[in-house]
Structure formats: structure tokens, C-alpha cells
Amino acid sequence: MTYRNIIHTLTETRTYRHALFYQFPGGLRFELSKDGSSLTQILTALRKATMICEDALGKGNPFLVHMQQFIFSSGFELRDTIRELRLAGIEIPKIRDVWYEEVYESDEYEDGFWINCVFEMQAFCMENLLWCALVTDFPSFHPNPHCLIYLVNPEKSILIHPYDDRGLDVICRNSMELTILYEKYNAWLLDYDKEVMVQTFEQNKS
């Protein structure tokens, strides 16, 4: 199965550029940071995200990375993205799947398209990737590739989206995998959506 097919199987070929938690009911949404200086928020988010992702992806195990970025017709944006990824120690391997998606009205973009790239990464690159995802709202921090980054465990059918320093979404078809994360990191669940998660996972126990 190709990397692209793995992603499409997990998401049932649905576009998921926006919040996974709302796109796929039954998932988890964690709050990563809230107070402090910009650097403090990023480092706090990195610490929490690393702990969650190591449990979800398997500490020391390779995983898939799905990157998405909107580019205009010229494609010049990719140069900056690739440069920033290299600064972060991320080299996109030759074995990868790349495809394009049209722009939908809901994307609020025009005159361009979304490019997708999926590849396998080793575990030691995880924190570097998380940094890149978490600094997206802080243009003064580098490396900062300004793209959407998703981490995937194909064996467990887990898809993780650290959307910025504030939070991280996790979805999975196996509710038991999510229940483990729900119980272990319950204190980090986002308050705004906690009632929905409590209803989902406490009901699963009965």
C-alpha cells in the first residue's frame, strides 16, 4: 500500500486540513500551552506534544509524516519551506508520495493549490518536526517551514495534528488506543471541548 493510500484509508479520502477533532468525531483535543512568553509557550507545548506523540506513535519507532502546504502557481513558497525544514534537520527522503489537491472555497485561497507530501521518518526526528509545527504562529522563530504537519502511526491507525503551540488533535479508529491517551493525559484535555470527550470516553467504559 502506498503512503497516499494509507492516509486516504485513515481519513476515508476526506480532506482534513481543518481541525481533526471536529472533522472526525470521537477524537481527542489537548491543550499544550496558554501562558508565558512566546518561547515558554513553545517549549511547554513541545514538552507535552513529545510525551503524547511518543505514546501514540511508539517511542523509538519510525512513523509517517504528512505535510500539506498551499502554494501559488509559481511554487516559490516551496523553496522557503524546504530551506526551513533543512535548518530543522529534516531532509525529505526520495521514497515519498506527492500529490496535489484543488482549492476549495472554504480554504479562502485562490490562484493556487495544495501540495501533499508523505514520507517515513525515524523517531529521533520527531521533536524537530513538532517544533516546526508548533512555531507556525511565531514568524520570528526559526526553523519555521509554515506548513501543516501530521504524524501517523499506520499500524495503530493513529493520526496526530499538532496545529500550533496551543493544541494537538488525535484521531484513531480504535477507541481503546484513544482511551489510553484520554486517561493518561486527562489533565491536558482542552476545557472548551472536554465535555464532549468525557461523554465519548466515559460512555465507552460502561
C-alpha atoms as a PDB file:
ATOM      1  CA  MET A   1       0.000   0.000   0.000  1.00  0.00           C
ATOM      2  CA  THR A   2       1.352   3.442  -0.905  1.00  0.00           C
ATOM      3  CA  TYR A   3       1.772   6.187   1.677  1.00  0.00           C
ATOM      4  CA  ARG A   4      -1.010   8.102   0.000  1.00  0.00           C
ATOM      5  CA  ASN A   5      -3.358   5.125   0.238  1.00  0.00           C
ATOM      6  CA  ILE A   6      -2.535   4.741   3.928  1.00  0.00           C
ATOM      7  CA  ILE A   7      -3.533   8.355   4.544  1.00  0.00           C
ATOM      8  CA  HIS A   8      -6.695   8.040   2.482  1.00  0.00           C
ATOM      9  CA  THR A   9      -7.661   4.842   4.293  1.00  0.00           C
ATOM     10  CA  LEU A  10      -7.313   6.542   7.680  1.00  0.00           C
ATOM     11  CA  THR A  11      -9.329   9.581   6.590  1.00  0.00           C
ATOM     12  CA  GLU A  12     -11.698   7.831   4.173  1.00  0.00           C
ATOM     13  CA  THR A  13     -10.270  10.134   1.467  1.00  0.00           C
ATOM     14  CA  ARG A  14     -11.755  13.183   3.200  1.00  0.00           C
ATOM     15  CA  THR A  15      -9.931  16.494   3.174  1.00  0.00           C
ATOM     16  CA  TYR A  16      -8.768  17.241   6.700  1.00  0.00           C
ATOM     17  CA  ARG A  17      -6.843  20.499   6.559  1.00  0.00           C
ATOM     18  CA  HIS A  18      -9.038  21.902   9.284  1.00  0.00           C
ATOM     19  CA  ALA A  19      -9.417  20.706  12.894  1.00  0.00           C
ATOM     20  CA  LEU A  20      -9.296  16.909  13.049  1.00  0.00           C
ATOM     21  CA  PHE A  21     -11.242  16.920  16.292  1.00  0.00           C
ATOM     22  CA  TYR A  22     -14.289  18.428  14.591  1.00  0.00           C
ATOM     23  CA  GLN A  23     -13.854  16.618  11.283  1.00  0.00           C
ATOM     24  CA  PHE A  24     -13.708  13.168  12.894  1.00  0.00           C
ATOM     25  CA  PRO A  25     -15.926  12.834  15.994  1.00  0.00           C
ATOM     26  CA  GLY A  26     -14.622  10.659  18.817  1.00  0.00           C
ATOM     27  CA  GLY A  27     -11.085  12.037  18.864  1.00  0.00           C
ATOM     28  CA  LEU A  28      -9.030  13.916  21.428  1.00  0.00           C
ATOM     29  CA  ARG A  29      -8.004  17.561  21.658  1.00  0.00           C
ATOM     30  CA  PHE A  30      -5.217  18.528  24.036  1.00  0.00           C
ATOM     31  CA  GLU A  31      -4.220  21.976  25.255  1.00  0.00           C
ATOM     32  CA  LEU A  32      -0.458  22.374  25.005  1.00  0.00           C
ATOM     33  CA  SER A  33       0.231  25.921  26.192  1.00  0.00           C
ATOM     34  CA  LYS A  34      -1.593  29.011  27.342  1.00  0.00           C
ATOM     35  CA  ASP A  35       0.502  31.450  29.397  1.00  0.00           C
ATOM     36  CA  GLY A  36       4.011  32.867  29.493  1.00  0.00           C
ATOM     37  CA  SER A  37       6.401  34.321  26.946  1.00  0.00           C
ATOM     38  CA  SER A  38       6.392  33.116  23.360  1.00  0.00           C
ATOM     39  CA  LEU A  39       9.422  30.908  23.980  1.00  0.00           C
ATOM     40  CA  THR A  40       7.906  29.498  27.180  1.00  0.00           C
ATOM     41  CA  GLN A  41       4.686  28.650  25.329  1.00  0.00           C
ATOM     42  CA  ILE A  42       6.572  26.884  22.551  1.00  0.00           C
ATOM     43  CA  LEU A  43       8.808  24.903  24.912  1.00  0.00           C
ATOM     44  CA  THR A  44       5.854  23.908  27.100  1.00  0.00           C
ATOM     45  CA  ALA A  45       3.923  22.814  24.020  1.00  0.00           C
ATOM     46  CA  LEU A  46       6.943  20.882  22.738  1.00  0.00           C
ATOM     47  CA  ARG A  47       7.343  19.015  26.028  1.00  0.00           C
ATOM     48  CA  LYS A  48       3.682  17.994  26.190  1.00  0.00           C
ATOM     49  CA  ALA A  49       3.385  17.165  22.490  1.00  0.00           C
ATOM     50  CA  THR A  50       6.506  14.988  22.652  1.00  0.00           C
ATOM     51  CA  MET A  51       5.091  12.948  25.526  1.00  0.00           C
ATOM     52  CA  ILE A  52       1.741  12.428  23.812  1.00  0.00           C
ATOM     53  CA  CYS A  53       3.292  11.576  20.449  1.00  0.00           C
ATOM     54  CA  GLU A  54       5.804   9.130  21.910  1.00  0.00           C
ATOM     55  CA  ASP A  55       2.942   7.187  23.481  1.00  0.00           C
ATOM     56  CA  ALA A  56       0.741   7.381  20.396  1.00  0.00           C
ATOM     57  CA  LEU A  57       3.425   6.636  17.803  1.00  0.00           C
ATOM     58  CA  GLY A  58       5.529   4.292  19.901  1.00  0.00           C
ATOM     59  CA  LYS A  59       8.735   5.574  21.455  1.00  0.00           C
ATOM     60  CA  GLY A  60      11.682   4.830  19.205  1.00  0.00           C
ATOM     61  CA  ASN A  61       9.514   3.662  16.307  1.00  0.00           C
ATOM     62  CA  PRO A  62       9.554   5.197  12.812  1.00  0.00           C
ATOM     63  CA  PHE A  63       6.358   6.932  11.708  1.00  0.00           C
ATOM     64  CA  LEU A  64       4.822   8.614   8.692  1.00  0.00           C
ATOM     65  CA  VAL A  65       4.801  12.368   8.180  1.00  0.00           C
ATOM     66  CA  HIS A  66       2.139  14.071   6.094  1.00  0.00           C
ATOM     67  CA  MET A  67       2.898  17.661   5.134  1.00  0.00           C
ATOM     68  CA  GLN A  68       0.433  19.977   3.437  1.00  0.00           C
ATOM     69  CA  GLN A  69       1.070  23.444   2.097  1.00  0.00           C
ATOM     70  CA  PHE A  70      -0.809  25.897  -0.060  1.00  0.00           C
ATOM     71  CA  ILE A  71       1.310  27.232  -2.880  1.00  0.00           C
ATOM     72  CA  PHE A  72       0.599  29.797  -5.540  1.00  0.00           C
ATOM     73  CA  SER A  73       1.031  28.940  -9.186  1.00  0.00           C
ATOM     74  CA  SER A  74       4.699  29.969  -9.143  1.00  0.00           C
ATOM     75  CA  GLY A  75       5.547  27.500  -6.383  1.00  0.00           C
ATOM     76  CA  PHE A  76       8.235  29.770  -4.901  1.00  0.00           C
ATOM     77  CA  GLU A  77       6.903  29.082  -1.385  1.00  0.00           C
ATOM     78  CA  LEU A  78       8.330  25.571  -1.519  1.00  0.00           C
ATOM     79  CA  ARG A  79      11.883  26.921  -1.610  1.00  0.00           C
ATOM     80  CA  ASP A  80      11.443  28.608   1.759  1.00  0.00           C
ATOM     81  CA  THR A  81       9.722  25.556   3.210  1.00  0.00           C
ATOM     82  CA  ILE A  82      12.461  23.163   2.119  1.00  0.00           C
ATOM     83  CA  ARG A  83      15.157  25.526   3.410  1.00  0.00           C
ATOM     84  CA  GLU A  84      13.484  25.817   6.828  1.00  0.00           C
ATOM     85  CA  LEU A  85      12.992  22.041   7.041  1.00  0.00           C
ATOM     86  CA  ARG A  86      16.692  21.532   6.355  1.00  0.00           C
ATOM     87  CA  LEU A  87      17.531  24.021   9.096  1.00  0.00           C
ATOM     88  CA  ALA A  88      15.438  21.820  11.377  1.00  0.00           C
ATOM     89  CA  GLY A  89      17.410  18.759  10.318  1.00  0.00           C
ATOM     90  CA  ILE A  90      14.559  17.363   8.207  1.00  0.00           C
ATOM     91  CA  GLU A  91      15.506  16.009   4.794  1.00  0.00           C
ATOM     92  CA  ILE A  92      12.561  14.728   2.767  1.00  0.00           C
ATOM     93  CA  PRO A  93      13.590  11.255   1.571  1.00  0.00           C
ATOM     94  CA  LYS A  94      13.476  10.153  -2.032  1.00  0.00           C
ATOM     95  CA  ILE A  95      10.903   7.497  -1.164  1.00  0.00           C
ATOM     96  CA  ARG A  96       7.769   9.606  -0.777  1.00  0.00           C
ATOM     97  CA  ASP A  97       4.320  10.204  -2.209  1.00  0.00           C
ATOM     98  CA  VAL A  98       3.443  13.646  -3.578  1.00  0.00           C
ATOM     99  CA  TRP A  99       0.078  14.786  -4.901  1.00  0.00           C
ATOM    100  CA  TYR A 100      -1.915  17.948  -5.438  1.00  0.00           C
ATOM    101  CA  GLU A 101      -5.402  18.987  -4.389  1.00  0.00           C
ATOM    102  CA  GLU A 102      -7.622  21.686  -5.776  1.00  0.00           C
ATOM    103  CA  VAL A 103      -8.506  24.720  -3.726  1.00  0.00           C
ATOM    104  CA  TYR A 104     -11.972  24.685  -2.196  1.00  0.00           C
ATOM    105  CA  GLU A 105     -13.970  27.806  -1.465  1.00  0.00           C
ATOM    106  CA  SER A 106     -13.789  27.061   2.250  1.00  0.00           C
ATOM    107  CA  ASP A 107      -9.987  27.291   2.104  1.00  0.00           C
ATOM    108  CA  GLU A 108     -10.242  31.031   1.449  1.00  0.00           C
ATOM    109  CA  TYR A 109      -7.383  30.757  -1.030  1.00  0.00           C
ATOM    110  CA  GLU A 110      -7.304  31.341  -4.749  1.00  0.00           C
ATOM    111  CA  ASP A 111      -4.959  31.097  -7.702  1.00  0.00           C
ATOM    112  CA  GLY A 112      -3.023  28.154  -6.330  1.00  0.00           C
ATOM    113  CA  PHE A 113      -3.310  24.634  -4.972  1.00  0.00           C
ATOM    114  CA  TRP A 114      -2.444  22.405  -2.024  1.00  0.00           C
ATOM    115  CA  ILE A 115       0.565  20.133  -2.269  1.00  0.00           C
ATOM    116  CA  ASN A 116       0.781  16.976  -0.141  1.00  0.00           C
ATOM    117  CA  CYS A 117       3.910  15.014   0.698  1.00  0.00           C
ATOM    118  CA  VAL A 118       4.036  11.809   2.769  1.00  0.00           C
ATOM    119  CA  PHE A 119       7.211  10.018   3.828  1.00  0.00           C
ATOM    120  CA  GLU A 120       8.656   7.940   6.648  1.00  0.00           C
ATOM    121  CA  MET A 121      10.784   9.470   9.415  1.00  0.00           C
ATOM    122  CA  GLN A 122      12.849   7.957  12.185  1.00  0.00           C
ATOM    123  CA  ALA A 123      11.922   8.567  15.817  1.00  0.00           C
ATOM    124  CA  PHE A 124      14.845  10.916  16.531  1.00  0.00           C
ATOM    125  CA  CYS A 125      13.321  13.481  14.121  1.00  0.00           C
ATOM    126  CA  MET A 126      10.016  13.737  15.977  1.00  0.00           C
ATOM    127  CA  GLU A 127      10.876  16.699  18.222  1.00  0.00           C
ATOM    128  CA  ASN A 128      12.321  18.592  15.244  1.00  0.00           C
ATOM    129  CA  LEU A 129       9.061  18.092  13.356  1.00  0.00           C
ATOM    130  CA  LEU A 130       6.978  19.070  16.366  1.00  0.00           C
ATOM    131  CA  TRP A 131       8.980  22.276  16.734  1.00  0.00           C
ATOM    132  CA  CYS A 132       8.222  23.114  13.090  1.00  0.00           C
ATOM    133  CA  ALA A 133       4.508  22.540  13.673  1.00  0.00           C
ATOM    134  CA  LEU A 134       4.297  24.416  16.967  1.00  0.00           C
ATOM    135  CA  VAL A 135       6.054  27.647  15.916  1.00  0.00           C
ATOM    136  CA  THR A 136       3.784  28.285  12.952  1.00  0.00           C
ATOM    137  CA  ASP A 137       2.154  31.332  14.622  1.00  0.00           C
ATOM    138  CA  PHE A 138       5.515  32.848  15.595  1.00  0.00           C
ATOM    139  CA  PRO A 139       7.153  34.168  12.403  1.00  0.00           C
ATOM    140  CA  SER A 140      10.216  35.426  14.300  1.00  0.00           C
ATOM    141  CA  PHE A 141      11.125  31.884  15.405  1.00  0.00           C
ATOM    142  CA  HIS A 142      13.150  29.614  13.157  1.00  0.00           C
ATOM    143  CA  PRO A 143      13.229  27.000  11.749  1.00  0.00           C
ATOM    144  CA  ASN A 144       9.655  27.663  10.663  1.00  0.00           C
ATOM    145  CA  PRO A 145       8.521  25.999   7.410  1.00  0.00           C
ATOM    146  CA  HIS A 146       4.932  27.339   7.704  1.00  0.00           C
ATOM    147  CA  CYS A 147       3.223  24.141   6.602  1.00  0.00           C
ATOM    148  CA  LEU A 148       0.698  21.763   8.125  1.00  0.00           C
ATOM    149  CA  ILE A 149       2.322  18.720   9.697  1.00  0.00           C
ATOM    150  CA  TYR A 150       0.576  15.464  10.619  1.00  0.00           C
ATOM    151  CA  LEU A 151       2.207  12.452  12.287  1.00  0.00           C
ATOM    152  CA  VAL A 152       0.853   8.989  11.544  1.00  0.00           C
ATOM    153  CA  ASN A 153       1.126   5.530  13.081  1.00  0.00           C
ATOM    154  CA  PRO A 154      -0.223   3.276  10.292  1.00  0.00           C
ATOM    155  CA  GLU A 155      -0.262   0.118  12.429  1.00  0.00           C
ATOM    156  CA  LYS A 156      -2.460   1.699  15.085  1.00  0.00           C
ATOM    157  CA  SER A 157      -4.359   3.874  12.563  1.00  0.00           C
ATOM    158  CA  ILE A 158      -3.499   6.973  14.597  1.00  0.00           C
ATOM    159  CA  LEU A 159      -3.331  10.425  13.038  1.00  0.00           C
ATOM    160  CA  ILE A 160      -1.958  13.374  15.050  1.00  0.00           C
ATOM    161  CA  HIS A 161      -2.141  17.047  14.185  1.00  0.00           C
ATOM    162  CA  PRO A 162      -0.121  19.465  16.339  1.00  0.00           C
ATOM    163  CA  TYR A 163      -1.831  22.518  14.851  1.00  0.00           C
ATOM    164  CA  ASP A 164       0.174  25.187  16.704  1.00  0.00           C
ATOM    165  CA  ASP A 165       1.555  25.928  20.175  1.00  0.00           C
ATOM    166  CA  ARG A 166      -1.958  25.919  21.630  1.00  0.00           C
ATOM    167  CA  GLY A 167      -3.021  22.399  20.923  1.00  0.00           C
ATOM    168  CA  LEU A 168      -2.916  18.984  19.325  1.00  0.00           C
ATOM    169  CA  ASP A 169      -5.617  16.681  17.895  1.00  0.00           C
ATOM    170  CA  VAL A 170      -5.524  12.887  17.826  1.00  0.00           C
ATOM    171  CA  ILE A 171      -7.900  10.611  15.931  1.00  0.00           C
ATOM    172  CA  CYS A 172      -7.964   6.829  15.664  1.00  0.00           C
ATOM    173  CA  ARG A 173     -10.440   4.174  14.570  1.00  0.00           C
ATOM    174  CA  ASN A 174      -9.520   2.074  17.616  1.00  0.00           C
ATOM    175  CA  SER A 175     -11.205   3.725  20.587  1.00  0.00           C
ATOM    176  CA  MET A 176      -9.024   1.728  23.020  1.00  0.00           C
ATOM    177  CA  GLU A 177      -5.883   3.459  21.755  1.00  0.00           C
ATOM    178  CA  LEU A 178      -7.503   6.841  22.392  1.00  0.00           C
ATOM    179  CA  THR A 179      -8.853   5.751  25.764  1.00  0.00           C
ATOM    180  CA  ILE A 180      -5.292   5.098  26.940  1.00  0.00           C
ATOM    181  CA  LEU A 181      -4.276   8.636  25.961  1.00  0.00           C
ATOM    182  CA  TYR A 182      -7.501  10.069  27.398  1.00  0.00           C
ATOM    183  CA  GLU A 183      -6.815   8.555  30.805  1.00  0.00           C
ATOM    184  CA  LYS A 184      -3.065   9.229  30.932  1.00  0.00           C
ATOM    185  CA  TYR A 185      -3.232  12.865  29.797  1.00  0.00           C
ATOM    186  CA  ASN A 186      -6.690  13.741  31.100  1.00  0.00           C
ATOM    187  CA  ALA A 187      -5.408  16.905  32.810  1.00  0.00           C
ATOM    188  CA  TRP A 188      -4.295  18.270  29.433  1.00  0.00           C
ATOM    189  CA  LEU A 189      -7.642  17.918  27.634  1.00  0.00           C
ATOM    190  CA  LEU A 190      -8.848  21.234  26.248  1.00  0.00           C
ATOM    191  CA  ASP A 191     -11.506  22.578  28.618  1.00  0.00           C
ATOM    192  CA  TYR A 192     -13.633  24.018  25.815  1.00  0.00           C
ATOM    193  CA  ASP A 193     -14.235  20.546  24.315  1.00  0.00           C
ATOM    194  CA  LYS A 194     -13.759  18.442  27.434  1.00  0.00           C
ATOM    195  CA  GLU A 195     -17.457  17.723  27.977  1.00  0.00           C
ATOM    196  CA  VAL A 196     -17.710  16.101  24.542  1.00  0.00           C
ATOM    197  CA  MET A 197     -14.642  13.961  25.226  1.00  0.00           C
ATOM    198  CA  VAL A 198     -15.909  12.940  28.659  1.00  0.00           C
ATOM    199  CA  GLN A 199     -19.199  11.810  27.145  1.00  0.00           C
ATOM    200  CA  THR A 200     -17.367   9.806  24.498  1.00  0.00           C
ATOM    201  CA  PHE A 201     -14.792   8.052  26.633  1.00  0.00           C
ATOM    202  CA  GLU A 202     -16.663   7.621  29.879  1.00  0.00           C
ATOM    203  CA  GLN A 203     -19.511   6.049  27.910  1.00  0.00           C
ATOM    204  CA  ASN A 204     -17.029   3.625  26.337  1.00  0.00           C
ATOM    205  CA  LYS A 205     -16.146   2.352  29.807  1.00  0.00           C
ATOM    206  CA  SER A 206     -19.730   1.342  30.593  1.00  0.00           C
END
